[in-house]
Amino acid sequence: MIRKKIAGIIATALKAIEPYKTEGIRGPVSGGKIDFKLLEELRVKVADIAEMAGIDY
């Protein structure tokens, strides 16, 4: 159950990444960005899972 929740969170994050390229010193550099609100929502979900598992962080 927890593994499926974690997998869902990872999948959501990966699907939400918007790739981009920019010029670096030695040529094009690839990167990705993600909406901050979505990132915060996913962070809260991970914290909830950690709390359920009894992890002290």
Protein backbone atom coordinates (compact mmCIF):
# COMPACT_ATOMS: atom_id res chain seq x y z
CA MET A 1 0.00 0.00 0.00
CA ILE A 2 2.71 2.48 0.96
CA ARG A 3 4.79 1.47 -2.06
CA LYS A 4 1.88 2.24 -4.38
CA LYS A 5 1.41 5.66 -2.76
CA ILE A 6 5.10 6.45 -3.15
CA ALA A 7 5.06 5.22 -6.75
CA GLY A 8 2.06 7.45 -7.44
CA ILE A 9 3.82 10.48 -5.98
CA ILE A 10 6.93 9.80 -8.05
CA ALA A 11 4.87 9.29 -11.21
CA THR A 12 2.99 12.55 -10.62
CA ALA A 13 6.24 14.44 -10.14
CA LEU A 14 7.85 12.97 -13.24
CA LYS A 15 4.80 13.66 -15.41
CA ALA A 16 4.68 17.27 -14.20
CA ILE A 17 8.28 18.13 -15.07
CA GLU A 18 8.53 20.56 -17.95
CA PRO A 19 11.83 20.11 -19.79
CA TYR A 20 13.80 23.06 -21.11
CA LYS A 21 17.17 23.82 -22.67
CA THR A 22 19.39 26.81 -22.21
CA GLU A 23 22.81 27.77 -23.48
CA GLY A 24 25.68 27.00 -21.16
CA ILE A 25 29.36 27.79 -21.47
CA ARG A 26 30.08 24.53 -23.32
CA GLY A 27 26.83 24.24 -25.25
CA PRO A 28 23.19 23.49 -24.53
CA VAL A 29 22.22 22.46 -21.02
CA SER A 30 19.03 20.52 -20.32
CA GLY A 31 16.92 20.97 -17.24
CA GLY A 32 13.43 20.57 -15.92
CA LYS A 33 11.05 22.59 -13.82
CA ILE A 34 7.96 21.72 -11.84
CA ASP A 35 5.13 23.86 -10.51
CA PHE A 36 5.92 24.91 -6.93
CA LYS A 37 2.36 24.34 -5.66
CA LEU A 38 2.41 20.77 -6.97
CA LEU A 39 5.82 20.19 -5.42
CA GLU A 40 4.51 21.38 -2.05
CA GLU A 41 1.44 19.10 -2.35
CA LEU A 42 3.69 16.13 -3.05
CA ARG A 43 5.94 17.08 -0.12
CA VAL A 44 2.94 17.02 2.21
CA LYS A 45 1.89 13.60 0.89
CA VAL A 46 5.39 12.24 1.52
CA ALA A 47 5.36 13.68 5.04
CA ASP A 48 2.00 11.98 5.69
CA ILE A 49 3.39 8.64 4.53
CA ALA A 50 6.46 9.08 6.74
CA GLU A 51 4.22 9.86 9.71
CA MET A 52 2.12 6.73 9.05
CA ALA A 53 5.29 4.65 8.96
CA GLY A 54 6.41 6.10 12.28
CA ILE A 55 9.58 7.71 10.97
CA ASP A 56 11.00 10.43 13.18
CA TYR A 57 12.54 13.19 11.09
